[in-house]
Amino acid sequence: MDADAFEQLVLDAIDSLPPEFAQHVENVSIQIARRPTDLHRRVARLGPGQSLYGLYEGVPLTARGSADPLLPDVITIFQEPLERDFADPAMLRAQVRRTVLHELAHFFGISDDRLHELGAY
């Protein structure tokens, strides 16, 4: 899939957010990278052979104080691992959406443990 078509999948996922959530993600930069760098993999604490579809970097809303600087949080979506693991176009679209929502959940302060409890995995 070319970069523009993949970007459209990410944009569609963002556009699907309910307005009550979308209004809070104005200061979040959502980027697309071809694949994770070694630094991304270290930040995510991944071992060899583990895939990384997305990564949230920033301070979750629930951990911010009123005097905290408003630097943009960054969500990076990794195209190559998603395409490799989800070759079917419908499955790829669904997983891109799930990945975007997963990383946005971290922005809202929801941990991986809580996502497991909620059945989001």
N, C-alpha and C. Protein backbone atom coordinates (compact mmCIF):
# COMPACT_ATOMS: atom_id res chain seq x y z
N MET A 1 0.86 -1.17 0.00
CA MET A 1 0.00 0.00 0.00
C MET A 1 0.90 1.24 0.00
N ASP A 2 0.54 2.22 -0.79
CA ASP A 2 1.36 3.42 -0.80
C ASP A 2 1.09 4.26 0.45
N ALA A 3 1.99 5.21 0.71
CA ALA A 3 1.93 6.01 1.93
C ALA A 3 0.64 6.81 2.03
N ASP A 4 0.15 7.33 0.91
CA ASP A 4 -1.09 8.13 0.94
C ASP A 4 -2.30 7.29 1.33
N ALA A 5 -2.39 6.10 0.80
CA ALA A 5 -3.51 5.22 1.12
C ALA A 5 -3.46 4.81 2.59
N PHE A 6 -2.26 4.53 3.10
CA PHE A 6 -2.13 4.17 4.51
C PHE A 6 -2.49 5.36 5.40
N GLU A 7 -2.02 6.53 5.02
CA GLU A 7 -2.35 7.73 5.79
C GLU A 7 -3.87 7.92 5.85
N GLN A 8 -4.56 7.61 4.76
CA GLN A 8 -6.01 7.75 4.76
C GLN A 8 -6.66 6.81 5.78
N LEU A 9 -6.11 5.61 5.95
CA LEU A 9 -6.63 4.70 6.98
C LEU A 9 -6.50 5.31 8.36
N VAL A 10 -5.36 5.95 8.62
CA VAL A 10 -5.14 6.60 9.91
C VAL A 10 -6.10 7.77 10.08
N LEU A 11 -6.25 8.58 9.05
CA LEU A 11 -7.18 9.72 9.11
C LEU A 11 -8.62 9.27 9.33
N ASP A 12 -9.00 8.18 8.67
CA ASP A 12 -10.35 7.64 8.87
C ASP A 12 -10.57 7.22 10.32
N ALA A 13 -9.54 6.63 10.92
CA ALA A 13 -9.64 6.22 12.32
C ALA A 13 -9.82 7.44 13.23
N ILE A 14 -9.07 8.49 12.96
CA ILE A 14 -9.18 9.72 13.76
C ILE A 14 -10.55 10.35 13.55
N ASP A 15 -11.01 10.38 12.32
CA ASP A 15 -12.32 10.96 12.01
C ASP A 15 -13.47 10.20 12.66
N SER A 16 -13.23 8.94 13.03
CA SER A 16 -14.29 8.14 13.63
C SER A 16 -14.45 8.39 15.13
N LEU A 17 -13.57 9.22 15.69
CA LEU A 17 -13.67 9.48 17.13
C LEU A 17 -14.96 10.23 17.46
N PRO A 18 -15.61 9.86 18.54
CA PRO A 18 -16.76 10.65 18.99
C PRO A 18 -16.32 12.07 19.33
N PRO A 19 -17.17 13.07 19.08
CA PRO A 19 -16.78 14.46 19.32
C PRO A 19 -16.27 14.75 20.73
N GLU A 20 -16.82 14.07 21.73
CA GLU A 20 -16.39 14.32 23.11
C GLU A 20 -14.94 13.90 23.35
N PHE A 21 -14.41 13.00 22.53
CA PHE A 21 -13.00 12.62 22.62
C PHE A 21 -12.16 13.43 21.64
N ALA A 22 -12.67 13.63 20.45
CA ALA A 22 -11.93 14.35 19.41
C ALA A 22 -11.53 15.75 19.85
N GLN A 23 -12.36 16.40 20.65
CA GLN A 23 -12.05 17.76 21.06
C GLN A 23 -10.81 17.85 21.95
N HIS A 24 -10.40 16.74 22.53
CA HIS A 24 -9.26 16.74 23.44
C HIS A 24 -7.94 16.37 22.77
N VAL A 25 -7.96 16.00 21.52
CA VAL A 25 -6.73 15.54 20.87
C VAL A 25 -6.13 16.57 19.92
N GLU A 26 -6.48 17.84 20.13
CA GLU A 26 -5.96 18.89 19.26
C GLU A 26 -4.45 19.04 19.36
N ASN A 27 -3.88 18.80 20.53
CA ASN A 27 -2.45 18.99 20.73
C ASN A 27 -1.68 17.66 20.65
N VAL A 28 -2.24 16.71 19.92
CA VAL A 28 -1.58 15.42 19.73
C VAL A 28 -1.15 15.34 18.26
N SER A 29 0.14 15.10 18.07
CA SER A 29 0.66 14.93 16.72
C SER A 29 0.62 13.44 16.39
N ILE A 30 -0.13 13.09 15.37
CA ILE A 30 -0.19 11.69 14.94
C ILE A 30 0.63 11.56 13.67
N GLN A 31 1.68 10.75 13.78
CA GLN A 31 2.62 10.59 12.69
C GLN A 31 2.58 9.15 12.19
N ILE A 32 3.07 8.99 10.98
CA ILE A 32 3.21 7.65 10.39
C ILE A 32 4.68 7.46 10.06
N ALA A 33 5.20 6.33 10.50
CA ALA A 33 6.58 5.96 10.16
C ALA A 33 6.54 4.61 9.47
N ARG A 34 7.48 4.40 8.62
CA ARG A 34 7.53 3.13 7.89
C ARG A 34 7.70 1.95 8.85
N ARG A 35 8.64 2.08 9.78
CA ARG A 35 8.89 1.01 10.77
C ARG A 35 9.45 1.65 12.02
N PRO A 36 9.36 0.96 13.15
CA PRO A 36 9.93 1.52 14.38
C PRO A 36 11.45 1.52 14.36
N THR A 37 12.03 2.55 14.95
CA THR A 37 13.48 2.63 15.09
C THR A 37 13.89 1.80 16.32
N ASP A 38 15.18 1.64 16.50
CA ASP A 38 15.67 0.97 17.70
C ASP A 38 15.23 1.73 18.95
N LEU A 39 15.22 3.05 18.89
CA LEU A 39 14.78 3.85 20.04
C LEU A 39 13.31 3.59 20.35
N HIS A 40 12.46 3.56 19.34
CA HIS A 40 11.04 3.24 19.55
C HIS A 40 10.90 1.89 20.25
N ARG A 41 11.65 0.93 19.79
CA ARG A 41 11.57 -0.43 20.35
C ARG A 41 12.04 -0.44 21.81
N ARG A 42 13.07 0.35 22.12
CA ARG A 42 13.54 0.42 23.52
C ARG A 42 12.51 1.10 24.40
N VAL A 43 11.94 2.21 23.92
CA VAL A 43 10.91 2.92 24.68
C VAL A 43 9.73 2.00 24.98
N ALA A 44 9.36 1.18 24.00
CA ALA A 44 8.23 0.26 24.17
C ALA A 44 8.63 -1.02 24.92
N ARG A 45 9.92 -1.16 25.23
CA ARG A 45 10.44 -2.32 25.95
C ARG A 45 10.13 -3.63 25.23
N LEU A 46 10.39 -3.65 23.93
CA LEU A 46 10.12 -4.83 23.13
C LEU A 46 11.35 -5.73 23.04
N GLY A 47 11.09 -6.99 23.00
CA GLY A 47 12.14 -7.97 22.79
C GLY A 47 12.26 -8.28 21.31
N PRO A 48 13.28 -9.07 20.96
CA PRO A 48 13.46 -9.47 19.56
C PRO A 48 12.23 -10.21 19.04
N GLY A 49 11.85 -9.89 17.83
CA GLY A 49 10.73 -10.59 17.20
C GLY A 49 9.35 -10.06 17.57
N GLN A 50 9.26 -9.12 18.52
CA GLN A 50 7.95 -8.56 18.87
C GLN A 50 7.62 -7.42 17.92
N SER A 51 6.34 -7.32 17.54
CA SER A 51 5.89 -6.27 16.62
C SER A 51 5.45 -5.04 17.40
N LEU A 52 5.62 -3.89 16.78
CA LEU A 52 5.15 -2.63 17.33
C LEU A 52 4.33 -1.94 16.25
N TYR A 53 3.04 -1.76 16.54
CA TYR A 53 2.13 -1.13 15.57
C TYR A 53 1.99 0.37 15.81
N GLY A 54 2.11 0.78 17.06
CA GLY A 54 1.97 2.19 17.39
C GLY A 54 2.66 2.49 18.71
N LEU A 55 2.92 3.78 18.94
CA LEU A 55 3.60 4.19 20.16
C LEU A 55 3.12 5.57 20.56
N TYR A 56 2.72 5.71 21.83
CA TYR A 56 2.35 7.01 22.40
C TYR A 56 3.53 7.53 23.20
N GLU A 57 3.92 8.77 22.94
CA GLU A 57 4.97 9.43 23.70
C GLU A 57 4.45 10.78 24.18
N GLY A 58 4.40 10.93 25.49
CA GLY A 58 3.92 12.18 26.05
C GLY A 58 3.51 12.00 27.49
N VAL A 59 2.80 12.98 28.01
CA VAL A 59 2.29 12.94 29.37
C VAL A 59 0.78 12.76 29.28
N PRO A 60 0.25 11.65 29.78
CA PRO A 60 -1.20 11.42 29.71
C PRO A 60 -1.98 12.55 30.39
N LEU A 61 -3.17 12.81 29.91
CA LEU A 61 -4.00 13.87 30.48
C LEU A 61 -4.18 13.70 31.98
N THR A 62 -4.28 12.47 32.45
CA THR A 62 -4.53 12.22 33.87
C THR A 62 -3.30 12.50 34.74
N ALA A 63 -2.14 12.70 34.13
CA ALA A 63 -0.92 12.94 34.89
C ALA A 63 -0.43 14.38 34.79
N ARG A 64 -1.20 15.24 34.17
CA ARG A 64 -0.78 16.62 33.95
C ARG A 64 -1.24 17.53 35.07
N GLY A 65 -0.41 18.52 35.33
CA GLY A 65 -0.80 19.60 36.23
C GLY A 65 -1.17 20.82 35.42
N SER A 66 -1.75 21.80 36.07
CA SER A 66 -2.20 22.99 35.35
C SER A 66 -1.04 23.84 34.83
N ALA A 67 0.15 23.69 35.43
CA ALA A 67 1.30 24.49 35.00
C ALA A 67 2.19 23.75 34.01
N ASP A 68 1.82 22.53 33.64
CA ASP A 68 2.65 21.77 32.70
C ASP A 68 2.67 22.45 31.33
N PRO A 69 3.85 22.45 30.67
CA PRO A 69 3.92 23.02 29.32
C PRO A 69 3.08 22.20 28.35
N LEU A 70 2.58 22.87 27.34
CA LEU A 70 1.71 22.19 26.37
C LEU A 70 2.49 21.77 25.13
N LEU A 71 3.50 20.96 25.34
CA LEU A 71 4.20 20.38 24.20
C LEU A 71 3.29 19.34 23.57
N PRO A 72 3.33 19.19 22.27
CA PRO A 72 2.46 18.18 21.67
C PRO A 72 2.89 16.76 22.06
N ASP A 73 1.90 15.96 22.41
CA ASP A 73 2.14 14.53 22.57
C ASP A 73 2.28 13.97 21.16
N VAL A 74 2.95 12.83 21.05
CA VAL A 74 3.18 12.23 19.72
C VAL A 74 2.70 10.79 19.74
N ILE A 75 1.90 10.46 18.75
CA ILE A 75 1.52 9.08 18.48
C ILE A 75 2.10 8.73 17.12
N THR A 76 2.85 7.65 17.09
CA THR A 76 3.42 7.19 15.83
C THR A 76 2.78 5.85 15.47
N ILE A 77 2.29 5.74 14.25
CA ILE A 77 1.71 4.52 13.73
C ILE A 77 2.71 3.95 12.72
N PHE A 78 3.03 2.66 12.86
CA PHE A 78 4.07 2.04 12.05
C PHE A 78 3.45 1.21 10.92
N GLN A 79 3.64 1.68 9.71
CA GLN A 79 2.99 1.10 8.54
C GLN A 79 3.46 -0.32 8.23
N GLU A 80 4.75 -0.53 8.19
CA GLU A 80 5.27 -1.82 7.73
C GLU A 80 4.82 -3.01 8.60
N PRO A 81 4.92 -2.94 9.93
CA PRO A 81 4.47 -4.08 10.73
C PRO A 81 2.96 -4.33 10.59
N LEU A 82 2.18 -3.28 10.46
CA LEU A 82 0.74 -3.45 10.30
C LEU A 82 0.44 -4.14 8.97
N GLU A 83 1.06 -3.68 7.90
CA GLU A 83 0.82 -4.29 6.60
C GLU A 83 1.31 -5.73 6.56
N ARG A 84 2.43 -6.00 7.20
CA ARG A 84 2.99 -7.36 7.22
C ARG A 84 2.05 -8.33 7.94
N ASP A 85 1.49 -7.90 9.07
CA ASP A 85 0.69 -8.79 9.91
C ASP A 85 -0.79 -8.82 9.53
N PHE A 86 -1.24 -7.86 8.72
CA PHE A 86 -2.65 -7.78 8.33
C PHE A 86 -2.74 -7.50 6.83
N ALA A 87 -2.54 -8.56 6.05
CA ALA A 87 -2.49 -8.42 4.59
C ALA A 87 -3.87 -8.15 3.98
N ASP A 88 -4.92 -8.67 4.60
CA ASP A 88 -6.28 -8.45 4.09
C ASP A 88 -6.65 -6.98 4.32
N PRO A 89 -7.13 -6.27 3.28
CA PRO A 89 -7.44 -4.85 3.41
C PRO A 89 -8.43 -4.52 4.54
N ALA A 90 -9.45 -5.34 4.70
CA ALA A 90 -10.43 -5.08 5.77
C ALA A 90 -9.80 -5.28 7.14
N MET A 91 -8.98 -6.30 7.28
CA MET A 91 -8.31 -6.54 8.56
C MET A 91 -7.30 -5.44 8.85
N LEU A 92 -6.60 -4.96 7.82
CA LEU A 92 -5.64 -3.88 7.99
C LEU A 92 -6.36 -2.61 8.46
N ARG A 93 -7.46 -2.27 7.80
CA ARG A 93 -8.24 -1.08 8.19
C ARG A 93 -8.67 -1.19 9.65
N ALA A 94 -9.17 -2.35 10.04
CA ALA A 94 -9.64 -2.55 11.42
C ALA A 94 -8.49 -2.44 12.41
N GLN A 95 -7.33 -3.01 12.07
CA GLN A 95 -6.20 -2.97 13.00
C GLN A 95 -5.59 -1.58 13.09
N VAL A 96 -5.55 -0.84 11.99
CA VAL A 96 -5.08 0.54 12.05
C VAL A 96 -5.98 1.34 12.98
N ARG A 97 -7.28 1.18 12.85
CA ARG A 97 -8.22 1.89 13.73
C ARG A 97 -7.99 1.48 15.18
N ARG A 98 -7.85 0.19 15.41
CA ARG A 98 -7.64 -0.31 16.77
C ARG A 98 -6.33 0.25 17.35
N THR A 99 -5.29 0.33 16.54
CA THR A 99 -4.01 0.84 16.98
C THR A 99 -4.10 2.33 17.32
N VAL A 100 -4.74 3.10 16.47
CA VAL A 100 -4.92 4.53 16.75
C VAL A 100 -5.70 4.71 18.05
N LEU A 101 -6.78 3.98 18.21
CA LEU A 101 -7.58 4.10 19.43
C LEU A 101 -6.79 3.65 20.67
N HIS A 102 -6.00 2.60 20.52
CA HIS A 102 -5.17 2.11 21.62
C HIS A 102 -4.19 3.19 22.08
N GLU A 103 -3.51 3.82 21.14
CA GLU A 103 -2.54 4.85 21.50
C GLU A 103 -3.23 6.09 22.06
N LEU A 104 -4.40 6.43 21.55
CA LEU A 104 -5.16 7.54 22.11
C LEU A 104 -5.63 7.22 23.53
N ALA A 105 -5.92 5.96 23.81
CA ALA A 105 -6.29 5.57 25.17
C ALA A 105 -5.15 5.89 26.13
N HIS A 106 -3.91 5.65 25.70
CA HIS A 106 -2.77 6.00 26.55
C HIS A 106 -2.71 7.51 26.78
N PHE A 107 -3.00 8.30 25.76
CA PHE A 107 -3.04 9.75 25.90
C PHE A 107 -4.07 10.15 26.97
N PHE A 108 -5.20 9.45 27.00
CA PHE A 108 -6.24 9.74 27.99
C PHE A 108 -5.94 9.13 29.36
N GLY A 109 -4.80 8.43 29.47
CA GLY A 109 -4.38 7.91 30.76
C GLY A 109 -4.78 6.48 31.05
N ILE A 110 -5.20 5.75 30.04
CA ILE A 110 -5.62 4.36 30.23
C ILE A 110 -4.41 3.45 29.98
N SER A 111 -4.04 2.67 30.98
CA SER A 111 -2.86 1.81 30.88
C SER A 111 -3.17 0.54 30.09
N ASP A 112 -2.11 -0.17 29.72
CA ASP A 112 -2.28 -1.46 29.06
C ASP A 112 -3.03 -2.44 29.96
N ASP A 113 -2.72 -2.42 31.26
CA ASP A 113 -3.42 -3.31 32.20
C ASP A 113 -4.91 -3.02 32.19
N ARG A 114 -5.27 -1.75 32.22
CA ARG A 114 -6.70 -1.38 32.22
C ARG A 114 -7.35 -1.76 30.89
N LEU A 115 -6.64 -1.60 29.80
CA LEU A 115 -7.19 -2.00 28.50
C LEU A 115 -7.45 -3.50 28.48
N HIS A 116 -6.57 -4.28 29.10
CA HIS A 116 -6.81 -5.73 29.23
C HIS A 116 -8.07 -5.99 30.03
N GLU A 117 -8.22 -5.28 31.16
CA GLU A 117 -9.41 -5.46 32.01
C GLU A 117 -10.68 -5.14 31.24
N LEU A 118 -10.61 -4.14 30.38
CA LEU A 118 -11.78 -3.72 29.60
C LEU A 118 -12.05 -4.61 28.40
N GLY A 119 -11.15 -5.56 28.15
CA GLY A 119 -11.33 -6.45 27.00
C GLY A 119 -10.98 -5.81 25.67
N ALA A 120 -10.11 -4.82 25.71
CA ALA A 120 -9.73 -4.12 24.48
C ALA A 120 -8.65 -4.84 23.70
N TYR A 121 -8.20 -5.98 24.19
CA TYR A 121 -7.17 -6.75 23.49
C TYR A 121 -7.79 -8.02 22.93
